[in-house]
C-alpha cells in the first residue's frame, strides 16, 4: 500500500480542487506549496462564493487535515463555522473586518476539530468503553433539553443538512471529550493568596472604576398606563416613600420592570454606565444628589431613584475583586494544562494539514 493510500483510506479517487493551492490527498505538496496550503481552510469559505457548483463540491470534499486515519474535510470545517461566522457578520462593521474574523473563526474551528479527534482517539486507544445504553441516555436528555421531541429534532437536523446518526455521534464525542478532560485536567485547582495578590498588583488598571453609586429604582412604563395615570402612580409612590415606607416594598407593588421582585435594586452603577439613561446618570451623579429623587420623566417612562451610597473613582480593593482574580487565575491554569495535554496527544498521534 502506498503512503497516499495509508493516509487517505476514506477518500477514494482523488479530488483535485480548481486551484493548485488546494491540494487533495494524492497530490502531496512541495515545501514551497505548503505555505499556500496552510492558508487553505482560512480562505476556503470566502473563495467558494465565486466558484461554479462543481468546483465548490470539489473544494468542500477536499481534505483539510488528517488525524491518524480520520479525515477532516473543508465541508466539516464549513459546517462547524456557520453559526459563529453568522454571529460575526452581525457584529462586524465592515466587509474587511468580517473577512478577517471569518478566516480566524475557520482556523480556530479546524484546530478544535483536530483536538476533538485527538481526544476521541486517545479514549479509544486507552481501551475505554461507552455502553450504548449510556449513549441512549445522553441523546435522549439532549434531545429533550434542546429540541423537546424527536419530531422537532428530525426537522431541525434536516434543515442543517445533518443526519440523526451524525448528530448522535456528536453527542457521544462531546460526552467523551468532557469525561477525558475531567480525567486529564485537574479540576480542583488551588490558587495561593500570594499569586492572587501579585495578579491584582500587576493588573491594577483592570479594576479601576469611575464614580459609583448604589441605587434602587421604580419605573412607571407609560405604554402600560395613560399619561395622567402614569404621573399619578409615580406621585403616589413618592408620597408613600416620603412617609417612610420601605422602598423595596413600594417597588414590588408599583414598578413595571423586572427588578420589582428585587425591590428595584440596581446595585452599583458607574457614571459611564451606558445601561443607565443619561437623564438618570445626570441626577444620580450630581454632587448634591443623595436620598430620593422627585419623579424623573423621560421618553416612555417615569422614574423614582434612591441613592443608597456613593463612592469616588479609584481602584477596587482586593477584598471586592478577590473571587474574580481567583477565577481568572484558575481559568488560566486550566487553559495551560489543557494545552499541555493536547501537545502530548499530538506527539503521540499523527496529524497533518493540507
C-alpha atoms as a PDB file:
ATOM      1  CA  UNK A   1       0.000   0.000   0.000  1.00  0.00           C
ATOM      2  CA  UNK A   2       1.348   3.431  -0.913  1.00  0.00           C
ATOM      3  CA  UNK A   3       1.836   6.265   1.567  1.00  0.00           C
ATOM      4  CA  UNK A   4      -1.039   8.093  -0.092  1.00  0.00           C
ATOM      5  CA  UNK A   5      -3.405   5.127   0.420  1.00  0.00           C
ATOM      6  CA  UNK A   6      -2.383   4.795   4.045  1.00  0.00           C
ATOM      7  CA  UNK A   7      -3.121   8.444   4.711  1.00  0.00           C
ATOM      8  CA  UNK A   8      -6.332   8.608   2.722  1.00  0.00           C
ATOM      9  CA  UNK A   9      -8.300   5.383   3.237  1.00  0.00           C
ATOM     10  CA  UNK A  10     -11.697   7.096   3.043  1.00  0.00           C
ATOM     11  CA  UNK A  11     -11.160   9.440   0.168  1.00  0.00           C
ATOM     12  CA  UNK A  12     -11.411   7.079  -2.828  1.00  0.00           C
ATOM     13  CA  UNK A  13     -10.468   8.685  -6.158  1.00  0.00           C
ATOM     14  CA  UNK A  14      -8.508  11.836  -5.559  1.00  0.00           C
ATOM     15  CA  UNK A  15     -10.439  15.050  -5.858  1.00  0.00           C
ATOM     16  CA  UNK A  16      -8.478  17.962  -7.189  1.00  0.00           C
ATOM     17  CA  UNK A  17      -9.666  21.476  -6.413  1.00  0.00           C
ATOM     18  CA  UNK A  18      -9.651  24.221  -9.007  1.00  0.00           C
ATOM     19  CA  UNK A  19      -6.631  25.980  -7.552  1.00  0.00           C
ATOM     20  CA  UNK A  20      -3.218  24.308  -7.186  1.00  0.00           C
ATOM     21  CA  UNK A  21      -3.013  25.656  -3.640  1.00  0.00           C
ATOM     22  CA  UNK A  22      -5.958  23.446  -2.668  1.00  0.00           C
ATOM     23  CA  UNK A  23      -4.406  20.017  -2.801  1.00  0.00           C
ATOM     24  CA  UNK A  24      -6.371  16.807  -2.266  1.00  0.00           C
ATOM     25  CA  UNK A  25      -4.943  13.623  -0.922  1.00  0.00           C
ATOM     26  CA  UNK A  26      -2.908  12.136  -3.758  1.00  0.00           C
ATOM     27  CA  UNK A  27      -1.241  15.444  -4.667  1.00  0.00           C
ATOM     28  CA  UNK A  28       1.391  15.863  -1.977  1.00  0.00           C
ATOM     29  CA  UNK A  29       2.742  19.439  -1.866  1.00  0.00           C
ATOM     30  CA  UNK A  30       6.238  20.648  -2.288  1.00  0.00           C
ATOM     31  CA  UNK A  31       7.786  22.527   0.620  1.00  0.00           C
ATOM     32  CA  UNK A  32       7.112  25.823  -1.142  1.00  0.00           C
ATOM     33  CA  UNK A  33       3.492  24.900  -1.800  1.00  0.00           C
ATOM     34  CA  UNK A  34       2.898  24.046   1.859  1.00  0.00           C
ATOM     35  CA  UNK A  35       2.942  27.723   2.773  1.00  0.00           C
ATOM     36  CA  UNK A  36      -0.015  28.270   0.494  1.00  0.00           C
ATOM     37  CA  UNK A  37      -1.906  25.227   1.648  1.00  0.00           C
ATOM     38  CA  UNK A  38      -1.633  26.305   5.257  1.00  0.00           C
ATOM     39  CA  UNK A  39      -3.988  29.078   4.168  1.00  0.00           C
ATOM     40  CA  UNK A  40      -6.468  26.512   2.918  1.00  0.00           C
ATOM     41  CA  UNK A  41      -9.251  26.488   5.400  1.00  0.00           C
ATOM     42  CA  UNK A  42      -8.862  30.144   6.311  1.00  0.00           C
ATOM     43  CA  UNK A  43      -9.658  31.257   2.785  1.00  0.00           C
ATOM     44  CA  UNK A  44     -11.924  28.374   1.750  1.00  0.00           C
ATOM     45  CA  UNK A  45     -15.423  29.600   2.553  1.00  0.00           C
ATOM     46  CA  UNK A  46     -14.688  33.054   1.210  1.00  0.00           C
ATOM     47  CA  UNK A  47     -13.415  31.632  -2.069  1.00  0.00           C
ATOM     48  CA  UNK A  48     -16.443  29.370  -2.538  1.00  0.00           C
ATOM     49  CA  UNK A  49     -18.828  32.196  -3.336  1.00  0.00           C
ATOM     50  CA  UNK A  50     -17.250  32.876  -6.712  1.00  0.00           C
ATOM     51  CA  UNK A  51     -16.824  29.261  -7.871  1.00  0.00           C
ATOM     52  CA  UNK A  52     -19.093  27.115 -10.068  1.00  0.00           C
ATOM     53  CA  UNK A  53     -21.145  24.463  -8.251  1.00  0.00           C
ATOM     54  CA  UNK A  54     -18.929  21.584  -9.421  1.00  0.00           C
ATOM     55  CA  UNK A  55     -15.786  23.356  -8.269  1.00  0.00           C
ATOM     56  CA  UNK A  56     -17.398  24.135  -4.904  1.00  0.00           C
ATOM     57  CA  UNK A  57     -18.163  20.422  -4.430  1.00  0.00           C
ATOM     58  CA  UNK A  58     -14.557  19.501  -5.209  1.00  0.00           C
ATOM     59  CA  UNK A  59     -13.248  22.075  -2.759  1.00  0.00           C
ATOM     60  CA  UNK A  60     -15.631  21.165   0.045  1.00  0.00           C
ATOM     61  CA  UNK A  61     -14.851  17.471  -0.292  1.00  0.00           C
ATOM     62  CA  UNK A  62     -11.115  18.153  -0.165  1.00  0.00           C
ATOM     63  CA  UNK A  63      -9.052  17.226   2.857  1.00  0.00           C
ATOM     64  CA  UNK A  64      -8.329  19.952   5.394  1.00  0.00           C
ATOM     65  CA  UNK A  65      -6.467  17.702   7.842  1.00  0.00           C
ATOM     66  CA  UNK A  66      -5.857  14.097   8.859  1.00  0.00           C
ATOM     67  CA  UNK A  67      -5.728  12.809  12.423  1.00  0.00           C
ATOM     68  CA  UNK A  68      -4.229   9.333  12.189  1.00  0.00           C
ATOM     69  CA  UNK A  69      -6.602   7.743   9.642  1.00  0.00           C
ATOM     70  CA  UNK A  70      -9.544  10.111  10.266  1.00  0.00           C
ATOM     71  CA  UNK A  71     -10.280  12.757   7.648  1.00  0.00           C
ATOM     72  CA  UNK A  72     -11.429  16.323   8.400  1.00  0.00           C
ATOM     73  CA  UNK A  73     -12.797  17.881   5.207  1.00  0.00           C
ATOM     74  CA  UNK A  74     -13.304  21.500   4.256  1.00  0.00           C
ATOM     75  CA  UNK A  75     -17.045  20.804   4.475  1.00  0.00           C
ATOM     76  CA  UNK A  76     -16.633  19.673   8.098  1.00  0.00           C
ATOM     77  CA  UNK A  77     -14.975  22.987   8.891  1.00  0.00           C
ATOM     78  CA  UNK A  78     -17.521  24.975   6.922  1.00  0.00           C
ATOM     79  CA  UNK A  79     -20.449  23.316   8.718  1.00  0.00           C
ATOM     80  CA  UNK A  80     -18.937  23.869  12.159  1.00  0.00           C
ATOM     81  CA  UNK A  81     -18.164  27.506  11.287  1.00  0.00           C
ATOM     82  CA  UNK A  82     -21.636  28.530  10.088  1.00  0.00           C
ATOM     83  CA  UNK A  83     -23.066  29.798  13.378  1.00  0.00           C
ATOM     84  CA  UNK A  84     -20.025  31.719  14.690  1.00  0.00           C
ATOM     85  CA  UNK A  85     -19.476  33.268  11.247  1.00  0.00           C
ATOM     86  CA  UNK A  86     -23.107  34.381  11.101  1.00  0.00           C
ATOM     87  CA  UNK A  87     -22.709  35.947  14.551  1.00  0.00           C
ATOM     88  CA  UNK A  88     -19.533  37.679  13.354  1.00  0.00           C
ATOM     89  CA  UNK A  89     -21.409  39.074  10.361  1.00  0.00           C
ATOM     90  CA  UNK A  90     -23.860  40.804  12.708  1.00  0.00           C
ATOM     91  CA  UNK A  91     -21.153  42.223  14.940  1.00  0.00           C
ATOM     92  CA  UNK A  92     -18.518  43.402  12.459  1.00  0.00           C
ATOM     93  CA  UNK A  93     -18.663  46.873  10.931  1.00  0.00           C
ATOM     94  CA  UNK A  94     -17.023  46.361   7.531  1.00  0.00           C
ATOM     95  CA  UNK A  95     -16.505  43.664   4.905  1.00  0.00           C
ATOM     96  CA  UNK A  96     -12.765  43.660   5.559  1.00  0.00           C
ATOM     97  CA  UNK A  97     -13.230  43.196   9.282  1.00  0.00           C
ATOM     98  CA  UNK A  98     -15.761  40.429   8.643  1.00  0.00           C
ATOM     99  CA  UNK A  99     -13.460  38.581   6.235  1.00  0.00           C
ATOM    100  CA  UNK A 100     -10.603  38.697   8.733  1.00  0.00           C
ATOM    101  CA  UNK A 101     -12.869  37.465  11.504  1.00  0.00           C
ATOM    102  CA  UNK A 102     -14.303  34.689   9.300  1.00  0.00           C
ATOM    103  CA  UNK A 103     -10.815  33.483   8.405  1.00  0.00           C
ATOM    104  CA  UNK A 104      -9.814  33.362  12.069  1.00  0.00           C
ATOM    105  CA  UNK A 105     -13.009  31.519  13.021  1.00  0.00           C
ATOM    106  CA  UNK A 106     -12.325  28.822  10.426  1.00  0.00           C
ATOM    107  CA  UNK A 107      -8.716  28.415  11.567  1.00  0.00           C
ATOM    108  CA  UNK A 108      -9.927  28.059  15.155  1.00  0.00           C
ATOM    109  CA  UNK A 109     -12.653  25.601  14.161  1.00  0.00           C
ATOM    110  CA  UNK A 110     -10.157  23.416  12.285  1.00  0.00           C
ATOM    111  CA  UNK A 111      -7.952  23.261  15.394  1.00  0.00           C
ATOM    112  CA  UNK A 112     -10.991  22.422  17.529  1.00  0.00           C
ATOM    113  CA  UNK A 113     -11.963  19.572  15.188  1.00  0.00           C
ATOM    114  CA  UNK A 114      -8.403  18.244  15.295  1.00  0.00           C
ATOM    115  CA  UNK A 115      -8.358  18.402  19.106  1.00  0.00           C
ATOM    116  CA  UNK A 116     -11.694  16.604  19.189  1.00  0.00           C
ATOM    117  CA  UNK A 117     -10.321  13.767  17.060  1.00  0.00           C
ATOM    118  CA  UNK A 118      -7.159  13.567  19.164  1.00  0.00           C
ATOM    119  CA  UNK A 119      -9.157  13.207  22.383  1.00  0.00           C
ATOM    120  CA  UNK A 120     -11.610  10.657  20.965  1.00  0.00           C
ATOM    121  CA  UNK A 121      -8.718   8.609  19.559  1.00  0.00           C
ATOM    122  CA  UNK A 122      -6.995   8.707  22.960  1.00  0.00           C
ATOM    123  CA  UNK A 123     -10.212   7.454  24.581  1.00  0.00           C
ATOM    124  CA  UNK A 124     -10.241   4.520  22.165  1.00  0.00           C
ATOM    125  CA  UNK A 125      -6.502   3.850  22.497  1.00  0.00           C
ATOM    126  CA  UNK A 126      -6.849   3.607  26.286  1.00  0.00           C
ATOM    127  CA  UNK A 127      -9.428   0.864  25.803  1.00  0.00           C
ATOM    128  CA  UNK A 128     -12.240   2.795  27.478  1.00  0.00           C
ATOM    129  CA  UNK A 129     -15.783   1.777  26.601  1.00  0.00           C
ATOM    130  CA  UNK A 130     -19.017   3.757  26.492  1.00  0.00           C
ATOM    131  CA  UNK A 131     -22.029   1.395  26.537  1.00  0.00           C
ATOM    132  CA  UNK A 132     -24.836   2.088  24.068  1.00  0.00           C
ATOM    133  CA  UNK A 133     -27.286   2.399  26.969  1.00  0.00           C
ATOM    134  CA  UNK A 134     -25.368   5.418  28.299  1.00  0.00           C
ATOM    135  CA  UNK A 135     -25.254   6.980  24.830  1.00  0.00           C
ATOM    136  CA  UNK A 136     -29.031   6.458  24.587  1.00  0.00           C
ATOM    137  CA  UNK A 137     -29.492   8.337  27.870  1.00  0.00           C
ATOM    138  CA  UNK A 138     -27.222  11.180  26.740  1.00  0.00           C
ATOM    139  CA  UNK A 139     -29.012  11.507  23.397  1.00  0.00           C
ATOM    140  CA  UNK A 140     -32.476  11.362  24.962  1.00  0.00           C
ATOM    141  CA  UNK A 141     -31.620  14.012  27.556  1.00  0.00           C
ATOM    142  CA  UNK A 142     -30.042  16.333  24.983  1.00  0.00           C
ATOM    143  CA  UNK A 143     -32.971  15.882  22.589  1.00  0.00           C
ATOM    144  CA  UNK A 144     -35.491  16.870  25.294  1.00  0.00           C
ATOM    145  CA  UNK A 145     -33.427  19.826  26.529  1.00  0.00           C
ATOM    146  CA  UNK A 146     -32.580  21.279  23.098  1.00  0.00           C
ATOM    147  CA  UNK A 147     -35.472  20.209  20.846  1.00  0.00           C
ATOM    148  CA  UNK A 148     -38.303  18.967  23.037  1.00  0.00           C
ATOM    149  CA  UNK A 149     -39.170  15.874  20.988  1.00  0.00           C
ATOM    150  CA  UNK A 150     -37.909  13.556  18.247  1.00  0.00           C
ATOM    151  CA  UNK A 151     -40.011  15.205  15.502  1.00  0.00           C
ATOM    152  CA  UNK A 152     -38.555  18.672  16.147  1.00  0.00           C
ATOM    153  CA  UNK A 153     -35.062  17.165  16.294  1.00  0.00           C
ATOM    154  CA  UNK A 154     -35.567  15.453  12.928  1.00  0.00           C
ATOM    155  CA  UNK A 155     -36.859  18.631  11.262  1.00  0.00           C
ATOM    156  CA  UNK A 156     -34.017  20.729  12.675  1.00  0.00           C
ATOM    157  CA  UNK A 157     -31.356  18.256  11.580  1.00  0.00           C
ATOM    158  CA  UNK A 158     -32.867  18.154   8.095  1.00  0.00           C
ATOM    159  CA  UNK A 159     -32.611  21.955   7.869  1.00  0.00           C
ATOM    160  CA  UNK A 160     -28.981  21.735   8.979  1.00  0.00           C
ATOM    161  CA  UNK A 161     -28.248  19.030   6.429  1.00  0.00           C
ATOM    162  CA  UNK A 162     -27.251  16.665   9.222  1.00  0.00           C
ATOM    163  CA  UNK A 163     -28.289  13.047   9.773  1.00  0.00           C
ATOM    164  CA  UNK A 164     -29.522  11.643  13.065  1.00  0.00           C
ATOM    165  CA  UNK A 165     -26.574   9.239  13.114  1.00  0.00           C
ATOM    166  CA  UNK A 166     -24.009  12.038  12.802  1.00  0.00           C
ATOM    167  CA  UNK A 167     -25.815  14.066  15.489  1.00  0.00           C
ATOM    168  CA  UNK A 168     -25.831  11.032  17.790  1.00  0.00           C
ATOM    169  CA  UNK A 169     -22.093  10.598  17.209  1.00  0.00           C
ATOM    170  CA  UNK A 170     -21.578  14.293  18.049  1.00  0.00           C
ATOM    171  CA  UNK A 171     -23.351  13.819  21.396  1.00  0.00           C
ATOM    172  CA  UNK A 172     -21.234  10.747  22.149  1.00  0.00           C
ATOM    173  CA  UNK A 173     -17.997  12.529  21.247  1.00  0.00           C
ATOM    174  CA  UNK A 174     -18.886  15.573  23.335  1.00  0.00           C
ATOM    175  CA  UNK A 175     -19.524  13.362  26.352  1.00  0.00           C
ATOM    176  CA  UNK A 176     -16.242  11.514  25.783  1.00  0.00           C
ATOM    177  CA  UNK A 177     -14.352  14.812  25.498  1.00  0.00           C
ATOM    178  CA  UNK A 178     -15.925  16.146  28.700  1.00  0.00           C
ATOM    179  CA  UNK A 179     -15.031  12.990  30.643  1.00  0.00           C
ATOM    180  CA  UNK A 180     -11.492  12.814  29.247  1.00  0.00           C
ATOM    181  CA  UNK A 181     -10.980  16.484  30.088  1.00  0.00           C
ATOM    182  CA  UNK A 182     -12.068  15.904  33.682  1.00  0.00           C
ATOM    183  CA  UNK A 183      -9.762  12.878  33.906  1.00  0.00           C
ATOM    184  CA  UNK A 184      -6.689  14.585  32.450  1.00  0.00           C
ATOM    185  CA  UNK A 185      -7.009  18.159  33.705  1.00  0.00           C
ATOM    186  CA  UNK A 186      -7.107  18.823  37.423  1.00  0.00           C
ATOM    187  CA  UNK A 187     -10.428  20.479  38.247  1.00  0.00           C
ATOM    188  CA  UNK A 188      -9.513  21.216  41.884  1.00  0.00           C
ATOM    189  CA  UNK A 189      -7.004  23.960  41.215  1.00  0.00           C
ATOM    190  CA  UNK A 190      -5.875  25.907  44.277  1.00  0.00           C
ATOM    191  CA  UNK A 191      -4.538  29.439  43.827  1.00  0.00           C
ATOM    192  CA  UNK A 192      -2.324  30.722  46.626  1.00  0.00           C
ATOM    193  CA  UNK A 193      -3.062  34.098  48.264  1.00  0.00           C
ATOM    194  CA  UNK A 194       0.378  35.272  47.116  1.00  0.00           C
ATOM    195  CA  UNK A 195      -0.495  34.644  43.455  1.00  0.00           C
ATOM    196  CA  UNK A 196      -3.817  36.430  43.869  1.00  0.00           C
ATOM    197  CA  UNK A 197      -2.110  39.464  45.399  1.00  0.00           C
ATOM    198  CA  UNK A 198       0.548  39.545  42.670  1.00  0.00           C
ATOM    199  CA  UNK A 199      -2.016  39.341  39.871  1.00  0.00           C
ATOM    200  CA  UNK A 200      -4.045  42.124  41.494  1.00  0.00           C
ATOM    201  CA  UNK A 201      -0.971  44.351  41.794  1.00  0.00           C
ATOM    202  CA  UNK A 202       0.124  43.646  38.203  1.00  0.00           C
ATOM    203  CA  UNK A 203      -3.347  44.317  36.765  1.00  0.00           C
ATOM    204  CA  UNK A 204      -4.483  47.236  38.895  1.00  0.00           C
ATOM    205  CA  UNK A 205      -5.843  49.169  35.907  1.00  0.00           C
ATOM    206  CA  UNK A 206      -8.232  46.314  35.163  1.00  0.00           C
ATOM    207  CA  UNK A 207     -10.000  47.111  38.428  1.00  0.00           C
ATOM    208  CA  UNK A 208     -10.093  50.874  38.034  1.00  0.00           C
ATOM    209  CA  UNK A 209     -13.632  52.280  38.155  1.00  0.00           C
ATOM    210  CA  UNK A 210     -15.255  55.680  37.853  1.00  0.00           C
ATOM    211  CA  UNK A 211     -17.562  57.336  40.348  1.00  0.00           C
ATOM    212  CA  UNK A 212     -20.104  54.786  41.555  1.00  0.00           C
ATOM    213  CA  UNK A 213     -23.458  54.830  43.243  1.00  0.00           C
ATOM    214  CA  UNK A 214     -25.600  52.113  44.742  1.00  0.00           C
ATOM    215  CA  UNK A 215     -29.188  52.756  43.688  1.00  0.00           C
ATOM    216  CA  UNK A 216     -32.742  51.473  43.646  1.00  0.00           C
ATOM    217  CA  UNK A 217     -35.318  52.462  41.043  1.00  0.00           C
ATOM    218  CA  UNK A 218     -39.040  52.410  40.439  1.00  0.00           C
ATOM    219  CA  UNK A 219     -40.104  52.529  36.784  1.00  0.00           C
ATOM    220  CA  UNK A 220     -43.578  53.517  35.614  1.00  0.00           C
ATOM    221  CA  UNK A 221     -43.987  52.441  31.988  1.00  0.00           C
ATOM    222  CA  UNK A 222     -46.140  54.975  30.098  1.00  0.00           C
ATOM    223  CA  UNK A 223     -47.103  52.393  27.494  1.00  0.00           C
ATOM    224  CA  UNK A 224     -48.961  50.442  30.178  1.00  0.00           C
ATOM    225  CA  UNK A 225     -50.880  53.388  31.568  1.00  0.00           C
ATOM    226  CA  UNK A 226     -52.483  56.589  30.344  1.00  0.00           C
ATOM    227  CA  UNK A 227     -50.425  59.788  30.652  1.00  0.00           C
ATOM    228  CA  UNK A 228     -52.360  61.051  33.668  1.00  0.00           C
ATOM    229  CA  UNK A 229     -52.385  57.634  35.332  1.00  0.00           C
ATOM    230  CA  UNK A 230     -48.584  57.241  34.934  1.00  0.00           C
ATOM    231  CA  UNK A 231     -47.974  60.548  36.692  1.00  0.00           C
ATOM    232  CA  UNK A 232     -50.448  59.705  39.426  1.00  0.00           C
ATOM    233  CA  UNK A 233     -48.802  56.303  40.106  1.00  0.00           C
ATOM    234  CA  UNK A 234     -45.353  57.941  40.388  1.00  0.00           C
ATOM    235  CA  UNK A 235     -46.610  60.700  42.713  1.00  0.00           C
ATOM    236  CA  UNK A 236     -48.472  58.237  44.952  1.00  0.00           C
ATOM    237  CA  UNK A 237     -45.344  56.069  45.182  1.00  0.00           C
ATOM    238  CA  UNK A 238     -43.253  59.127  46.081  1.00  0.00           C
ATOM    239  CA  UNK A 239     -45.742  60.067  48.794  1.00  0.00           C
ATOM    240  CA  UNK A 240     -45.512  56.587  50.312  1.00  0.00           C
ATOM    241  CA  UNK A 241     -41.700  56.718  50.269  1.00  0.00           C
ATOM    242  CA  UNK A 242     -41.563  60.141  51.909  1.00  0.00           C
ATOM    243  CA  UNK A 243     -43.897  58.832  54.578  1.00  0.00           C
ATOM    244  CA  UNK A 244     -41.199  56.283  55.449  1.00  0.00           C
ATOM    245  CA  UNK A 245     -42.459  53.188  53.656  1.00  0.00           C
ATOM    246  CA  UNK A 246     -39.744  50.728  52.605  1.00  0.00           C
ATOM    247  CA  UNK A 247     -38.510  51.357  49.037  1.00  0.00           C
ATOM    248  CA  UNK A 248     -38.336  47.639  48.213  1.00  0.00           C
ATOM    249  CA  UNK A 249     -41.961  47.153  49.247  1.00  0.00           C
ATOM    250  CA  UNK A 250     -43.177  50.112  47.172  1.00  0.00           C
ATOM    251  CA  UNK A 251     -41.136  48.999  44.156  1.00  0.00           C
ATOM    252  CA  UNK A 252     -42.584  45.498  44.391  1.00  0.00           C
ATOM    253  CA  UNK A 253     -46.135  46.867  44.369  1.00  0.00           C
ATOM    254  CA  UNK A 254     -45.931  49.543  41.634  1.00  0.00           C
ATOM    255  CA  UNK A 255     -42.794  49.238  39.468  1.00  0.00           C
ATOM    256  CA  UNK A 256     -43.252  47.983  35.900  1.00  0.00           C
ATOM    257  CA  UNK A 257     -39.814  46.437  35.340  1.00  0.00           C
ATOM    258  CA  UNK A 258     -38.424  43.001  36.228  1.00  0.00           C
ATOM    259  CA  UNK A 259     -36.352  44.397  39.106  1.00  0.00           C
ATOM    260  CA  UNK A 260     -39.517  44.995  41.097  1.00  0.00           C
ATOM    261  CA  UNK A 261     -39.029  41.489  42.511  1.00  0.00           C
ATOM    262  CA  UNK A 262     -35.621  42.580  43.828  1.00  0.00           C
ATOM    263  CA  UNK A 263     -37.061  45.693  45.426  1.00  0.00           C
ATOM    264  CA  UNK A 264     -35.904  47.841  42.497  1.00  0.00           C
ATOM    265  CA  UNK A 265     -32.273  47.118  43.368  1.00  0.00           C
ATOM    266  CA  UNK A 266     -29.852  48.103  40.560  1.00  0.00           C
ATOM    267  CA  UNK A 267     -26.728  47.525  42.625  1.00  0.00           C
ATOM    268  CA  UNK A 268     -23.629  49.605  41.870  1.00  0.00           C
ATOM    269  CA  UNK A 269     -23.679  51.722  38.710  1.00  0.00           C
ATOM    270  CA  UNK A 270     -20.940  53.929  37.249  1.00  0.00           C
ATOM    271  CA  UNK A 271     -21.236  57.424  35.859  1.00  0.00           C
ATOM    272  CA  UNK A 272     -20.216  55.984  32.478  1.00  0.00           C
ATOM    273  CA  UNK A 273     -22.704  53.097  32.598  1.00  0.00           C
ATOM    274  CA  UNK A 274     -24.395  53.054  29.175  1.00  0.00           C
ATOM    275  CA  UNK A 275     -27.221  50.876  30.529  1.00  0.00           C
ATOM    276  CA  UNK A 276     -28.390  53.758  32.700  1.00  0.00           C
ATOM    277  CA  UNK A 277     -30.276  56.519  30.917  1.00  0.00           C
ATOM    278  CA  UNK A 278     -28.442  59.803  30.557  1.00  0.00           C
ATOM    279  CA  UNK A 279     -31.110  61.740  32.499  1.00  0.00           C
ATOM    280  CA  UNK A 280     -30.832  59.314  35.407  1.00  0.00           C
ATOM    281  CA  UNK A 281     -26.999  59.357  35.403  1.00  0.00           C
ATOM    282  CA  UNK A 282     -27.044  63.166  35.485  1.00  0.00           C
ATOM    283  CA  UNK A 283     -29.238  63.178  38.580  1.00  0.00           C
ATOM    284  CA  UNK A 284     -27.516  60.285  40.377  1.00  0.00           C
ATOM    285  CA  UNK A 285     -24.024  61.751  39.967  1.00  0.00           C
ATOM    286  CA  UNK A 286     -24.744  65.371  40.789  1.00  0.00           C
ATOM    287  CA  UNK A 287     -22.571  66.198  43.801  1.00  0.00           C
ATOM    288  CA  UNK A 288     -25.610  67.258  45.791  1.00  0.00           C
ATOM    289  CA  UNK A 289     -27.723  64.218  44.874  1.00  0.00           C
ATOM    290  CA  UNK A 290     -28.483  61.856  47.708  1.00  0.00           C
ATOM    291  CA  UNK A 291     -31.520  60.132  49.078  1.00  0.00           C
ATOM    292  CA  UNK A 292     -34.671  60.136  46.974  1.00  0.00           C
ATOM    293  CA  UNK A 293     -35.374  61.860  43.661  1.00  0.00           C
ATOM    294  CA  UNK A 294     -38.527  63.566  42.515  1.00  0.00           C
ATOM    295  CA  UNK A 295     -40.214  61.830  39.551  1.00  0.00           C
ATOM    296  CA  UNK A 296     -37.771  61.921  36.609  1.00  0.00           C
ATOM    297  CA  UNK A 297     -39.730  61.879  33.367  1.00  0.00           C
ATOM    298  CA  UNK A 298     -38.002  60.610  30.232  1.00  0.00           C
ATOM    299  CA  UNK A 299     -39.326  59.348  26.915  1.00  0.00           C
ATOM    300  CA  UNK A 300     -41.634  56.440  27.588  1.00  0.00           C
ATOM    301  CA  UNK A 301     -41.258  56.254  31.374  1.00  0.00           C
ATOM    302  CA  UNK A 302     -41.194  57.952  34.755  1.00  0.00           C
ATOM    303  CA  UNK A 303     -38.537  57.008  37.323  1.00  0.00           C
ATOM    304  CA  UNK A 304     -38.090  57.336  41.044  1.00  0.00           C
ATOM    305  CA  UNK A 305     -34.469  56.843  42.100  1.00  0.00           C
ATOM    306  CA  UNK A 306     -32.980  56.289  45.536  1.00  0.00           C
ATOM    307  CA  UNK A 307     -29.227  56.711  46.045  1.00  0.00           C
ATOM    308  CA  UNK A 308     -28.185  54.470  48.931  1.00  0.00           C
ATOM    309  CA  UNK A 309     -24.407  55.025  48.794  1.00  0.00           C
ATOM    310  CA  UNK A 310     -21.743  56.737  46.685  1.00  0.00           C
ATOM    311  CA  UNK A 311     -18.064  56.016  46.104  1.00  0.00           C
ATOM    312  CA  UNK A 312     -15.458  58.104  44.306  1.00  0.00           C
ATOM    313  CA  UNK A 313     -13.446  56.899  41.318  1.00  0.00           C
ATOM    314  CA  UNK A 314     -10.467  54.684  42.064  1.00  0.00           C
ATOM    315  CA  UNK A 315      -9.216  51.094  42.084  1.00  0.00           C
ATOM    316  CA  UNK A 316     -11.479  48.474  43.591  1.00  0.00           C
ATOM    317  CA  UNK A 317      -9.966  46.993  46.761  1.00  0.00           C
ATOM    318  CA  UNK A 318      -8.723  43.413  46.601  1.00  0.00           C
ATOM    319  CA  UNK A 319     -11.424  42.362  49.062  1.00  0.00           C
ATOM    320  CA  UNK A 320     -14.069  43.206  46.447  1.00  0.00           C
ATOM    321  CA  UNK A 321     -12.386  41.503  43.497  1.00  0.00           C
ATOM    322  CA  UNK A 322     -10.613  38.554  45.150  1.00  0.00           C
ATOM    323  CA  UNK A 323     -13.096  35.987  43.795  1.00  0.00           C
ATOM    324  CA  UNK A 324     -12.814  37.461  40.297  1.00  0.00           C
ATOM    325  CA  UNK A 325      -8.997  37.350  40.415  1.00  0.00           C
ATOM    326  CA  UNK A 326      -9.047  33.784  41.729  1.00  0.00           C
ATOM    327  CA  UNK A 327     -11.464  32.697  38.983  1.00  0.00           C
ATOM    328  CA  UNK A 328      -9.278  34.323  36.311  1.00  0.00           C
ATOM    329  CA  UNK A 329      -6.162  32.551  37.571  1.00  0.00           C
ATOM    330  CA  UNK A 330      -7.955  29.194  37.754  1.00  0.00           C
ATOM    331  CA  UNK A 331      -9.146  29.563  34.163  1.00  0.00           C
ATOM    332  CA  UNK A 332      -5.634  30.462  33.029  1.00  0.00           C
ATOM    333  CA  UNK A 333      -4.210  27.400  34.772  1.00  0.00           C
ATOM    334  CA  UNK A 334      -6.866  25.109  33.259  1.00  0.00           C
ATOM    335  CA  UNK A 335      -6.082  26.542  29.834  1.00  0.00           C
ATOM    336  CA  UNK A 336      -2.360  25.909  30.378  1.00  0.00           C
ATOM    337  CA  UNK A 337      -2.989  22.325  31.481  1.00  0.00           C
ATOM    338  CA  UNK A 338      -5.279  21.683  28.521  1.00  0.00           C
ATOM    339  CA  UNK A 339      -2.723  22.998  26.015  1.00  0.00           C
ATOM    340  CA  UNK A 340      -0.030  20.822  27.562  1.00  0.00           C
ATOM    341  CA  UNK A 341      -2.341  17.792  27.358  1.00  0.00           C
ATOM    342  CA  UNK A 342      -3.179  18.467  23.691  1.00  0.00           C
ATOM    343  CA  UNK A 343       0.547  18.850  22.915  1.00  0.00           C
ATOM    344  CA  UNK A 344       1.178  15.407  24.397  1.00  0.00           C
ATOM    345  CA  UNK A 345      -1.637  13.925  22.322  1.00  0.00           C
ATOM    346  CA  UNK A 346      -0.207  15.496  19.162  1.00  0.00           C
ATOM    347  CA  UNK A 347       3.184  13.943  19.902  1.00  0.00           C
ATOM    348  CA  UNK A 348       1.608  10.503  20.271  1.00  0.00           C
ATOM    349  CA  UNK A 349      -0.634  10.695  17.187  1.00  0.00           C
ATOM    350  CA  UNK A 350      -0.237  11.563  13.524  1.00  0.00           C
ATOM    351  CA  UNK A 351      -1.627  14.958  12.436  1.00  0.00           C
ATOM    352  CA  UNK A 352      -1.127  16.558   9.029  1.00  0.00           C
ATOM    353  CA  UNK A 353      -2.622  19.619   7.350  1.00  0.00           C
ATOM    354  CA  UNK A 354      -3.490  20.122   3.667  1.00  0.00           C
END
